[in-house]
């Protein structure tokens, strides 16, 4: 690890940073592994979920914010929002209609095999209620919420850039420059964590108070600070360079944060706030560490990563239904049970979704438009 920032990242095209594409692919592939663990409750599947909670979505939204900043600067706010509406909302509604009803039904069948008296439409209707009494993630939106959060963040991008630009004009951002170099990333991590708590408090005081407690809405506030962090790293390249080089002090903060989380007792609101702040400091420091790792060792893109980068959104939209089709076949046709189901699903799902993209979606203008909002 280096203390002084250096940047020697490779560009795929002007303004395109290859290691960010690779990092986004990694985060989304890890998400497929996380959702595979919803098949059953094993100790290792809980471990996968815990690891994910401490890096994955925060990193994904930070990368999205940085990449969005690059595109927005190039094409302007109005055109950026128009393109994001096309590339996010069209896949959201297409997947909701074509994929999610089937995956909800399969989730119900896998997790509630002995529950009688519910037909297909009963289950779909019940999936729209918060407490439906079913085992498993029988939820209408399932993994698609990330698309609506990304679109909301895209709409906020213009105002956020205006705020950051005002901060730059007032030289307030220079305050970070007054800090010793090794403290910059840690202070940013604390800032992000505090903003996450503030966002949660705002959500509970507004939407939560009137009964709008859906994760679709809550996720917008939960990950907005990480998206804003990505935008800030675009506008302040020196901060991105620090993340790419990382530093020993930030690594120590990361390890101490992990240790503190093990020591935090279950208790009142005060300890819950401490836990949320600590976890999001961990997520931010993990994000910076991954920037360093990928900028150092994944700065180039081979043919496999290039294909995965093009296919990853199709794969992510498809993976939930594919996971439960394979699990259903394993349990009800092949007689596979227990950990064996998890292993089969974890191996077969990424391969299957990739091949569906390559052999079907990428060759169809209609499917490409419906699941990616553009030709891939």
Foldseek 3Di string as FASTA:
>chain_A
DDLAFDFDFDAPDVLRFQLLLVLLLVLLLLVLLLLLLLLDDDPVNVVSVVVNLQARPLLNLLSLLQSLLSVCVVPHLVVSLVLLCLQQVLQQVLLLVPPQLLLLVLQQCSQPVPDDDDDSVNLLVLQPDPCSPTPTNSHSRPPSLVSLLSSVLSNCSVVLVVVLVVCVVVVVVCVLVVDRSQCNLLVLLLVLLVQLVVLQVVCCVPVVVVPNPDVSVSVNSNRSSSSSNSSNCNVVVSVLSCLQQPDPSLVVLLVVLVVVLVVQDPDDPVSVSVNSSSSSSNNSSSSSPSSNVSSVPVSDADPVSVLSSVQSQQLSSNQSSQSSVQLCCCVPPVVDDDVVSSVVSSVVSSVVSSCCCVVPQLVDQVSCCSNRSGRD
